[in-house]
PDB file of N, CA and C in Angstrom:
ATOM      1  N   MET A   1      27.900  23.357 -33.167  1.00  0.00           N
ATOM      2  CA  MET A   1      27.483  21.971 -33.041  1.00  0.00           C
ATOM      3  C   MET A   1      28.279  21.273 -31.937  1.00  0.00           C
ATOM      4  N   TRP A   2      29.619  21.443 -31.949  1.00  0.00           N
ATOM      5  CA  TRP A   2      30.447  20.803 -30.925  1.00  0.00           C
ATOM      6  C   TRP A   2      30.143  21.369 -29.549  1.00  0.00           C
ATOM      7  N   PHE A   3      29.815  22.628 -29.509  1.00  0.00           N
ATOM      8  CA  PHE A   3      29.499  23.264 -28.227  1.00  0.00           C
ATOM      9  C   PHE A   3      28.288  22.590 -27.573  1.00  0.00           C
ATOM     10  N   PHE A   4      27.240  22.346 -28.354  1.00  0.00           N
ATOM     11  CA  PHE A   4      26.036  21.701 -27.820  1.00  0.00           C
ATOM     12  C   PHE A   4      26.295  20.246 -27.432  1.00  0.00           C
ATOM     13  N   ALA A   5      27.141  19.561 -28.176  1.00  0.00           N
ATOM     14  CA  ALA A   5      27.472  18.179 -27.836  1.00  0.00           C
ATOM     15  C   ALA A   5      28.211  18.122 -26.503  1.00  0.00           C
ATOM     16  N   ILE A   6      29.138  19.044 -26.303  1.00  0.00           N
ATOM     17  CA  ILE A   6      29.886  19.089 -25.030  1.00  0.00           C
ATOM     18  C   ILE A   6      28.936  19.489 -23.900  1.00  0.00           C
ATOM     19  N   LEU A   7      28.039  20.414 -24.174  1.00  0.00           N
ATOM     20  CA  LEU A   7      27.073  20.837 -23.167  1.00  0.00           C
ATOM     21  C   LEU A   7      26.172  19.677 -22.733  1.00  0.00           C
ATOM     22  N   VAL A   8      25.715  18.859 -23.670  1.00  0.00           N
ATOM     23  CA  VAL A   8      24.885  17.700 -23.355  1.00  0.00           C
ATOM     24  C   VAL A   8      25.667  16.683 -22.525  1.00  0.00           C
ATOM     25  N   VAL A   9      26.922  16.429 -22.885  1.00  0.00           N
ATOM     26  CA  VAL A   9      27.751  15.480 -22.128  1.00  0.00           C
ATOM     27  C   VAL A   9      27.958  15.978 -20.710  1.00  0.00           C
ATOM     28  N   LEU A  10      28.230  17.265 -20.540  1.00  0.00           N
ATOM     29  CA  LEU A  10      28.416  17.818 -19.191  1.00  0.00           C
ATOM     30  C   LEU A  10      27.121  17.746 -18.377  1.00  0.00           C
ATOM     31  N   ALA A  11      25.982  18.012 -19.011  1.00  0.00           N
ATOM     32  CA  ALA A  11      24.705  17.921 -18.301  1.00  0.00           C
ATOM     33  C   ALA A  11      24.431  16.488 -17.859  1.00  0.00           C
ATOM     34  N   LEU A  12      24.665  15.529 -18.737  1.00  0.00           N
ATOM     35  CA  LEU A  12      24.458  14.118 -18.365  1.00  0.00           C
ATOM     36  C   LEU A  12      25.423  13.699 -17.265  1.00  0.00           C
ATOM     37  N   GLY A  13      26.647  14.186 -17.313  1.00  0.00           N
ATOM     38  CA  GLY A  13      27.606  13.883 -16.245  1.00  0.00           C
ATOM     39  C   GLY A  13      27.158  14.455 -14.915  1.00  0.00           C
ATOM     40  N   GLY A  14      26.623  15.683 -14.927  1.00  0.00           N
ATOM     41  CA  GLY A  14      26.108  16.292 -13.697  1.00  0.00           C
ATOM     42  C   GLY A  14      24.937  15.522 -13.134  1.00  0.00           C
ATOM     43  N   ILE A  15      24.053  15.081 -13.993  1.00  0.00           N
ATOM     44  CA  ILE A  15      22.910  14.278 -13.543  1.00  0.00           C
ATOM     45  C   ILE A  15      23.389  12.959 -12.947  1.00  0.00           C
ATOM     46  N   ALA A  16      24.389  12.356 -13.570  1.00  0.00           N
ATOM     47  CA  ALA A  16      24.935  11.089 -13.061  1.00  0.00           C
ATOM     48  C   ALA A  16      25.567  11.285 -11.687  1.00  0.00           C
ATOM     49  N   LEU A  17      26.272  12.413 -11.482  1.00  0.00           N
ATOM     50  CA  LEU A  17      26.885  12.676 -10.178  1.00  0.00           C
ATOM     51  C   LEU A  17      25.822  12.866  -9.093  1.00  0.00           C
ATOM     52  N   VAL A  18      24.776  13.600  -9.386  1.00  0.00           N
ATOM     53  CA  VAL A  18      23.714  13.815  -8.396  1.00  0.00           C
ATOM     54  C   VAL A  18      23.004  12.497  -8.090  1.00  0.00           C
ATOM     55  N   ALA A  19      22.742  11.707  -9.132  1.00  0.00           N
ATOM     56  CA  ALA A  19      22.064  10.423  -8.930  1.00  0.00           C
ATOM     57  C   ALA A  19      22.936   9.462  -8.129  1.00  0.00           C
ATOM     58  N   ALA A  20      24.252   9.572  -8.236  1.00  0.00           N
ATOM     59  CA  ALA A  20      25.161   8.687  -7.510  1.00  0.00           C
ATOM     60  C   ALA A  20      25.352   9.125  -6.061  1.00  0.00           C
ATOM     61  N   GLY A  21      24.781  10.271  -5.680  1.00  0.00           N
ATOM     62  CA  GLY A  21      24.882  10.695  -4.295  1.00  0.00           C
ATOM     63  C   GLY A  21      25.854  11.821  -4.073  1.00  0.00           C
ATOM     64  N   ARG A  22      26.503  12.290  -5.068  1.00  0.00           N
ATOM     65  CA  ARG A  22      27.416  13.424  -4.935  1.00  0.00           C
ATOM     66  C   ARG A  22      26.631  14.705  -5.196  1.00  0.00           C
ATOM     67  N   GLY A  23      27.087  15.773  -4.606  1.00  0.00           N
ATOM     68  CA  GLY A  23      26.372  17.031  -4.786  1.00  0.00           C
ATOM     69  C   GLY A  23      25.203  17.114  -3.821  1.00  0.00           C
ATOM     70  N   ALA A  24      24.165  17.786  -4.206  1.00  0.00           N
ATOM     71  CA  ALA A  24      22.994  17.956  -3.341  1.00  0.00           C
ATOM     72  C   ALA A  24      22.272  16.615  -3.185  1.00  0.00           C
ATOM     73  N   PRO A  25      21.898  16.254  -1.963  1.00  0.00           N
ATOM     74  CA  PRO A  25      21.200  14.973  -1.762  1.00  0.00           C
ATOM     75  C   PRO A  25      19.791  15.018  -2.327  1.00  0.00           C
ATOM     76  N   LEU A  26      19.289  13.848  -2.641  1.00  0.00           N
ATOM     77  CA  LEU A  26      17.922  13.725  -3.113  1.00  0.00           C
ATOM     78  C   LEU A  26      16.959  13.880  -1.937  1.00  0.00           C
ATOM     79  N   ALA A  27      15.721  14.116  -2.209  1.00  0.00           N
ATOM     80  CA  ALA A  27      14.722  14.302  -1.154  1.00  0.00           C
ATOM     81  C   ALA A  27      14.558  13.014  -0.349  1.00  0.00           C
ATOM     82  N   GLU A  28      14.192  13.181   0.913  1.00  0.00           N
ATOM     83  CA  GLU A  28      13.966  12.036   1.787  1.00  0.00           C
ATOM     84  C   GLU A  28      12.774  11.222   1.284  1.00  0.00           C
ATOM     85  N   VAL A  29      12.861   9.917   1.453  1.00  0.00           N
ATOM     86  CA  VAL A  29      11.771   9.028   1.058  1.00  0.00           C
ATOM     87  C   VAL A  29      10.692   9.091   2.131  1.00  0.00           C
ATOM     88  N   TYR A  30       9.441   9.150   1.710  1.00  0.00           N
ATOM     89  CA  TYR A  30       8.334   9.151   2.663  1.00  0.00           C
ATOM     90  C   TYR A  30       7.331   8.086   2.254  1.00  0.00           C
ATOM     91  N   ASP A  31       6.595   7.618   3.232  1.00  0.00           N
ATOM     92  CA  ASP A  31       5.595   6.579   3.000  1.00  0.00           C
ATOM     93  C   ASP A  31       4.316   7.237   2.506  1.00  0.00           C
ATOM     94  N   ASP A  32       3.911   6.918   1.287  1.00  0.00           N
ATOM     95  CA  ASP A  32       2.730   7.545   0.712  1.00  0.00           C
ATOM     96  C   ASP A  32       1.489   6.667   0.834  1.00  0.00           C
ATOM     97  N   ARG A  33       1.553   5.647   1.641  1.00  0.00           N
ATOM     98  CA  ARG A  33       0.403   4.763   1.802  1.00  0.00           C
ATOM     99  C   ARG A  33      -0.680   5.456   2.608  1.00  0.00           C
ATOM    100  N   PRO A  34      -1.931   5.281   2.215  1.00  0.00           N
ATOM    101  CA  PRO A  34      -3.012   5.886   3.012  1.00  0.00           C
ATOM    102  C   PRO A  34      -3.151   5.162   4.345  1.00  0.00           C
ATOM    103  N   ASP A  35      -3.592   5.908   5.340  1.00  0.00           N
ATOM    104  CA  ASP A  35      -3.830   5.289   6.643  1.00  0.00           C
ATOM    105  C   ASP A  35      -4.981   4.299   6.514  1.00  0.00           C
ATOM    106  N   SER A  36      -4.803   3.150   7.148  1.00  0.00           N
ATOM    107  CA  SER A  36      -5.849   2.127   7.092  1.00  0.00           C
ATOM    108  C   SER A  36      -7.016   2.574   7.951  1.00  0.00           C
ATOM    109  N   SER A  37      -8.206   2.506   7.390  1.00  0.00           N
ATOM    110  CA  SER A  37      -9.385   2.924   8.147  1.00  0.00           C
ATOM    111  C   SER A  37     -10.137   1.732   8.717  1.00  0.00           C
ATOM    112  N   VAL A  38      -9.558   0.546   8.634  1.00  0.00           N
ATOM    113  CA  VAL A  38     -10.204  -0.653   9.163  1.00  0.00           C
ATOM    114  C   VAL A  38      -9.778  -0.809  10.623  1.00  0.00           C
ATOM    115  N   PRO A  39     -10.736  -0.953  11.538  1.00  0.00           N
ATOM    116  CA  PRO A  39     -10.372  -1.110  12.948  1.00  0.00           C
ATOM    117  C   PRO A  39      -9.530  -2.369  13.160  1.00  0.00           C
ATOM    118  N   ALA A  40      -8.559  -2.265  14.034  1.00  0.00           N
ATOM    119  CA  ALA A  40      -7.639  -3.382  14.268  1.00  0.00           C
ATOM    120  C   ALA A  40      -8.292  -4.499  15.077  1.00  0.00           C
ATOM    121  N   ALA A  41      -9.274  -4.183  15.887  1.00  0.00           N
ATOM    122  CA  ALA A  41      -9.905  -5.203  16.732  1.00  0.00           C
ATOM    123  C   ALA A  41     -11.410  -5.180  16.523  1.00  0.00           C
ATOM    124  N   GLY A  42     -12.028  -6.261  16.862  1.00  0.00           N
ATOM    125  CA  GLY A  42     -13.477  -6.356  16.753  1.00  0.00           C
ATOM    126  C   GLY A  42     -13.910  -6.775  15.363  1.00  0.00           C
ATOM    127  N   PRO A  43     -15.181  -7.129  15.230  1.00  0.00           N
ATOM    128  CA  PRO A  43     -15.669  -7.573  13.923  1.00  0.00           C
ATOM    129  C   PRO A  43     -15.774  -6.397  12.944  1.00  0.00           C
ATOM    130  N   LEU A  44     -15.610  -6.712  11.692  1.00  0.00           N
ATOM    131  CA  LEU A  44     -15.738  -5.694  10.652  1.00  0.00           C
ATOM    132  C   LEU A  44     -17.199  -5.475  10.315  1.00  0.00           C
ATOM    133  N   THR A  45     -17.531  -4.251  10.020  1.00  0.00           N
ATOM    134  CA  THR A  45     -18.887  -3.939   9.595  1.00  0.00           C
ATOM    135  C   THR A  45     -18.876  -3.615   8.104  1.00  0.00           C
ATOM    136  N   ALA A  46     -20.039  -3.518   7.530  1.00  0.00           N
ATOM    137  CA  ALA A  46     -20.139  -3.191   6.106  1.00  0.00           C
ATOM    138  C   ALA A  46     -19.566  -1.800   5.834  1.00  0.00           C
ATOM    139  N   ASP A  47     -19.770  -0.862   6.760  1.00  0.00           N
ATOM    140  CA  ASP A  47     -19.216   0.483   6.573  1.00  0.00           C
ATOM    141  C   ASP A  47     -17.693   0.475   6.607  1.00  0.00           C
ATOM    142  N   ASP A  48     -17.101  -0.393   7.446  1.00  0.00           N
ATOM    143  CA  ASP A  48     -15.643  -0.520   7.466  1.00  0.00           C
ATOM    144  C   ASP A  48     -15.127  -0.952   6.100  1.00  0.00           C
ATOM    145  N   LEU A  49     -15.798  -1.911   5.504  1.00  0.00           N
ATOM    146  CA  LEU A  49     -15.355  -2.408   4.200  1.00  0.00           C
ATOM    147  C   LEU A  49     -15.567  -1.374   3.099  1.00  0.00           C
ATOM    148  N   ARG A  50     -16.592  -0.564   3.217  1.00  0.00           N
ATOM    149  CA  ARG A  50     -16.825   0.471   2.199  1.00  0.00           C
ATOM    150  C   ARG A  50     -15.765   1.564   2.261  1.00  0.00           C
ATOM    151  N   ARG A  51     -15.150   1.777   3.434  1.00  0.00           N
ATOM    152  CA  ARG A  51     -14.139   2.827   3.583  1.00  0.00           C
ATOM    153  C   ARG A  51     -12.731   2.367   3.228  1.00  0.00           C
ATOM    154  N   VAL A  52     -12.534   1.081   2.977  1.00  0.00           N
ATOM    155  CA  VAL A  52     -11.189   0.564   2.711  1.00  0.00           C
ATOM    156  C   VAL A  52     -10.652   1.160   1.419  1.00  0.00           C
ATOM    157  N   ARG A  53      -9.426   1.654   1.480  1.00  0.00           N
ATOM    158  CA  ARG A  53      -8.721   2.146   0.299  1.00  0.00           C
ATOM    159  C   ARG A  53      -7.324   1.549   0.326  1.00  0.00           C
ATOM    160  N   PHE A  54      -6.962   0.859  -0.733  1.00  0.00           N
ATOM    161  CA  PHE A  54      -5.633   0.256  -0.835  1.00  0.00           C
ATOM    162  C   PHE A  54      -4.714   1.210  -1.579  1.00  0.00           C
ATOM    163  N   SER A  55      -3.470   1.256  -1.142  1.00  0.00           N
ATOM    164  CA  SER A  55      -2.507   2.092  -1.854  1.00  0.00           C
ATOM    165  C   SER A  55      -2.070   1.383  -3.125  1.00  0.00           C
ATOM    166  N   LEU A  56      -1.667   2.171  -4.090  1.00  0.00           N
ATOM    167  CA  LEU A  56      -1.269   1.619  -5.379  1.00  0.00           C
ATOM    168  C   LEU A  56       0.190   1.193  -5.358  1.00  0.00           C
ATOM    169  N   GLY A  57       0.464   0.081  -5.981  1.00  0.00           N
ATOM    170  CA  GLY A  57       1.818  -0.415  -6.145  1.00  0.00           C
ATOM    171  C   GLY A  57       2.245  -0.283  -7.589  1.00  0.00           C
ATOM    172  N   PHE A  58       3.303  -0.954  -7.952  1.00  0.00           N
ATOM    173  CA  PHE A  58       3.853  -0.852  -9.304  1.00  0.00           C
ATOM    174  C   PHE A  58       2.856  -1.287 -10.362  1.00  0.00           C
ATOM    175  N   ARG A  59       2.162  -2.377 -10.116  1.00  0.00           N
ATOM    176  CA  ARG A  59       1.222  -2.898 -11.116  1.00  0.00           C
ATOM    177  C   ARG A  59      -0.184  -3.029 -10.555  1.00  0.00           C
ATOM    178  N   GLY A  60      -0.615  -2.088  -9.753  1.00  0.00           N
ATOM    179  CA  GLY A  60      -1.953  -2.134  -9.188  1.00  0.00           C
ATOM    180  C   GLY A  60      -1.905  -1.944  -7.690  1.00  0.00           C
ATOM    181  N   TYR A  61      -2.770  -2.637  -6.966  1.00  0.00           N
ATOM    182  CA  TYR A  61      -2.806  -2.529  -5.515  1.00  0.00           C
ATOM    183  C   TYR A  61      -1.701  -3.378  -4.902  1.00  0.00           C
ATOM    184  N   ARG A  62      -1.299  -3.009  -3.700  1.00  0.00           N
ATOM    185  CA  ARG A  62      -0.275  -3.781  -2.990  1.00  0.00           C
ATOM    186  C   ARG A  62      -0.903  -5.098  -2.538  1.00  0.00           C
ATOM    187  N   MET A  63      -0.354  -6.185  -3.053  1.00  0.00           N
ATOM    188  CA  MET A  63      -0.935  -7.502  -2.781  1.00  0.00           C
ATOM    189  C   MET A  63      -0.922  -7.831  -1.296  1.00  0.00           C
ATOM    190  N   SER A  64       0.085  -7.390  -0.564  1.00  0.00           N
ATOM    191  CA  SER A  64       0.157  -7.723   0.857  1.00  0.00           C
ATOM    192  C   SER A  64      -1.022  -7.121   1.625  1.00  0.00           C
ATOM    193  N   GLU A  65      -1.445  -5.897   1.264  1.00  0.00           N
ATOM    194  CA  GLU A  65      -2.578  -5.276   1.951  1.00  0.00           C
ATOM    195  C   GLU A  65      -3.883  -5.991   1.610  1.00  0.00           C
ATOM    196  N   VAL A  66      -4.068  -6.320   0.359  1.00  0.00           N
ATOM    197  CA  VAL A  66      -5.291  -7.011  -0.069  1.00  0.00           C
ATOM    198  C   VAL A  66      -5.343  -8.400   0.564  1.00  0.00           C
ATOM    199  N   ASP A  67      -4.213  -9.123   0.553  1.00  0.00           N
ATOM    200  CA  ASP A  67      -4.177 -10.462   1.144  1.00  0.00           C
ATOM    201  C   ASP A  67      -4.480 -10.422   2.634  1.00  0.00           C
ATOM    202  N   ALA A  68      -3.958  -9.417   3.344  1.00  0.00           N
ATOM    203  CA  ALA A  68      -4.204  -9.325   4.786  1.00  0.00           C
ATOM    204  C   ALA A  68      -5.685  -9.110   5.069  1.00  0.00           C
ATOM    205  N   LEU A  69      -6.330  -8.249   4.293  1.00  0.00           N
ATOM    206  CA  LEU A  69      -7.754  -8.017   4.513  1.00  0.00           C
ATOM    207  C   LEU A  69      -8.576  -9.249   4.161  1.00  0.00           C
ATOM    208  N   LEU A  70      -8.237  -9.916   3.075  1.00  0.00           N
ATOM    209  CA  LEU A  70      -8.975 -11.127   2.690  1.00  0.00           C
ATOM    210  C   LEU A  70      -8.804 -12.232   3.718  1.00  0.00           C
ATOM    211  N   ASP A  71      -7.601 -12.392   4.273  1.00  0.00           N
ATOM    212  CA  ASP A  71      -7.386 -13.388   5.324  1.00  0.00           C
ATOM    213  C   ASP A  71      -8.233 -13.083   6.550  1.00  0.00           C
ATOM    214  N   ARG A  72      -8.299 -11.804   6.908  1.00  0.00           N
ATOM    215  CA  ARG A  72      -9.102 -11.430   8.081  1.00  0.00           C
ATOM    216  C   ARG A  72     -10.577 -11.697   7.828  1.00  0.00           C
ATOM    217  N   LEU A  73     -11.069 -11.333   6.650  1.00  0.00           N
ATOM    218  CA  LEU A  73     -12.478 -11.580   6.334  1.00  0.00           C
ATOM    219  C   LEU A  73     -12.787 -13.070   6.326  1.00  0.00           C
ATOM    220  N   ALA A  74     -11.883 -13.878   5.784  1.00  0.00           N
ATOM    221  CA  ALA A  74     -12.095 -15.324   5.756  1.00  0.00           C
ATOM    222  C   ALA A  74     -12.155 -15.888   7.174  1.00  0.00           C
ATOM    223  N   SER A  75     -11.289 -15.401   8.060  1.00  0.00           N
ATOM    224  CA  SER A  75     -11.302 -15.872   9.446  1.00  0.00           C
ATOM    225  C   SER A  75     -12.610 -15.506  10.138  1.00  0.00           C
ATOM    226  N   GLU A  76     -13.071 -14.281   9.907  1.00  0.00           N
ATOM    227  CA  GLU A  76     -14.323 -13.870  10.543  1.00  0.00           C
ATOM    228  C   GLU A  76     -15.517 -14.659  10.002  1.00  0.00           C
ATOM    229  N   LEU A  77     -15.508 -14.953   8.721  1.00  0.00           N
ATOM    230  CA  LEU A  77     -16.592 -15.762   8.158  1.00  0.00           C
ATOM    231  C   LEU A  77     -16.552 -17.188   8.701  1.00  0.00           C
ATOM    232  N   GLU A  78     -15.353 -17.744   8.849  1.00  0.00           N
ATOM    233  CA  GLU A  78     -15.242 -19.084   9.422  1.00  0.00           C
ATOM    234  C   GLU A  78     -15.760 -19.107  10.851  1.00  0.00           C
ATOM    235  N   ASP A  79     -15.412 -18.061  11.624  1.00  0.00           N
ATOM    236  CA  ASP A  79     -15.906 -17.993  13.004  1.00  0.00           C
ATOM    237  C   ASP A  79     -17.429 -17.876  13.036  1.00  0.00           C
ATOM    238  N   ALA A  80     -17.984 -17.071  12.141  1.00  0.00           N
ATOM    239  CA  ALA A  80     -19.445 -16.914  12.094  1.00  0.00           C
ATOM    240  C   ALA A  80     -20.113 -18.217  11.689  1.00  0.00           C
ATOM    241  N   ASP A  81     -19.524 -18.941  10.739  1.00  0.00           N
ATOM    242  CA  ASP A  81     -20.085 -20.225  10.318  1.00  0.00           C
ATOM    243  C   ASP A  81     -20.025 -21.255  11.439  1.00  0.00           C
ATOM    244  N   SER A  82     -18.926 -21.283  12.178  1.00  0.00           N
ATOM    245  CA  SER A  82     -18.816 -22.261  13.261  1.00  0.00           C
ATOM    246  C   SER A  82     -19.781 -21.922  14.394  1.00  0.00           C
ATOM    247  N   ASP A  83     -20.044 -20.625  14.625  1.00  0.00           N
ATOM    248  CA  ASP A  83     -21.011 -20.236  15.654  1.00  0.00           C
ATOM    249  C   ASP A  83     -22.421 -20.671  15.258  1.00  0.00           C
ATOM    250  N   ARG A  84     -22.753 -20.548  13.975  1.00  0.00           N
ATOM    251  CA  ARG A  84     -24.081 -20.973  13.504  1.00  0.00           C
ATOM    252  C   ARG A  84     -24.227 -22.487  13.599  1.00  0.00           C
ATOM    253  N   GLY A  85     -23.146 -23.200  13.363  1.00  0.00           N
ATOM    254  CA  GLY A  85     -23.189 -24.660  13.428  1.00  0.00           C
ATOM    255  C   GLY A  85     -23.386 -25.172  14.843  1.00  0.00           C
ATOM    256  N   ARG A  86     -22.951 -24.398  15.837  1.00  0.00           N
ATOM    257  CA  ARG A  86     -23.098 -24.800  17.233  1.00  0.00           C
ATOM    258  C   ARG A  86     -24.442 -24.373  17.814  1.00  0.00           C
ATOM    259  N   GLY A  87     -25.181 -23.599  17.039  1.00  0.00           N
ATOM    260  CA  GLY A  87     -26.469 -23.156  17.552  1.00  0.00           C
ATOM    261  C   GLY A  87     -26.355 -21.939  18.440  1.00  0.00           C
ATOM    262  N   ASP A  88     -25.252 -21.212  18.372  1.00  0.00           N
ATOM    263  CA  ASP A  88     -25.051 -20.017  19.185  1.00  0.00           C
ATOM    264  C   ASP A  88     -25.684 -18.775  18.574  1.00  0.00           C
ATOM    265  N   GLU A  89     -26.367 -18.947  17.471  1.00  0.00           N
ATOM    266  CA  GLU A  89     -26.942 -17.784  16.797  1.00  0.00           C
ATOM    267  C   GLU A  89     -28.088 -17.233  17.641  1.00  0.00           C
ATOM    268  N   PRO A  90     -28.086 -15.926  17.855  1.00  0.00           N
ATOM    269  CA  PRO A  90     -29.162 -15.354  18.667  1.00  0.00           C
ATOM    270  C   PRO A  90     -30.494 -15.410  17.911  1.00  0.00           C
ATOM    271  N   THR A  91     -31.545 -15.559  18.666  1.00  0.00           N
ATOM    272  CA  THR A  91     -32.869 -15.617  18.058  1.00  0.00           C
ATOM    273  C   THR A  91     -33.419 -14.212  17.938  1.00  0.00           C
ATOM    274  N   PRO A  92     -34.131 -13.898  16.837  1.00  0.00           N
ATOM    275  CA  PRO A  92     -34.663 -12.533  16.664  1.00  0.00           C
ATOM    276  C   PRO A  92     -35.820 -12.234  17.557  1.00  0.00           C
TER     277      PRO A  92
END
């Protein structure tokens, strides 16, 4: 019984040393975010929006990525609305 208790304490101590940076280093951190498939310039198309994939965060999607896309869409809609108000809409 005492042998297993000492073994558990030594194992926890070893884990604590590795976690603190002693011993073998932990693996390098890498960015696991998917590459954005939305073009950086020009108007967005419906196919661009269908291909959008947001990376997951702690409690869902990363809010910064969703907010950036929503801000861009809002700006493009405002520009389209102002163009229609000026009569710049092309005739079919």
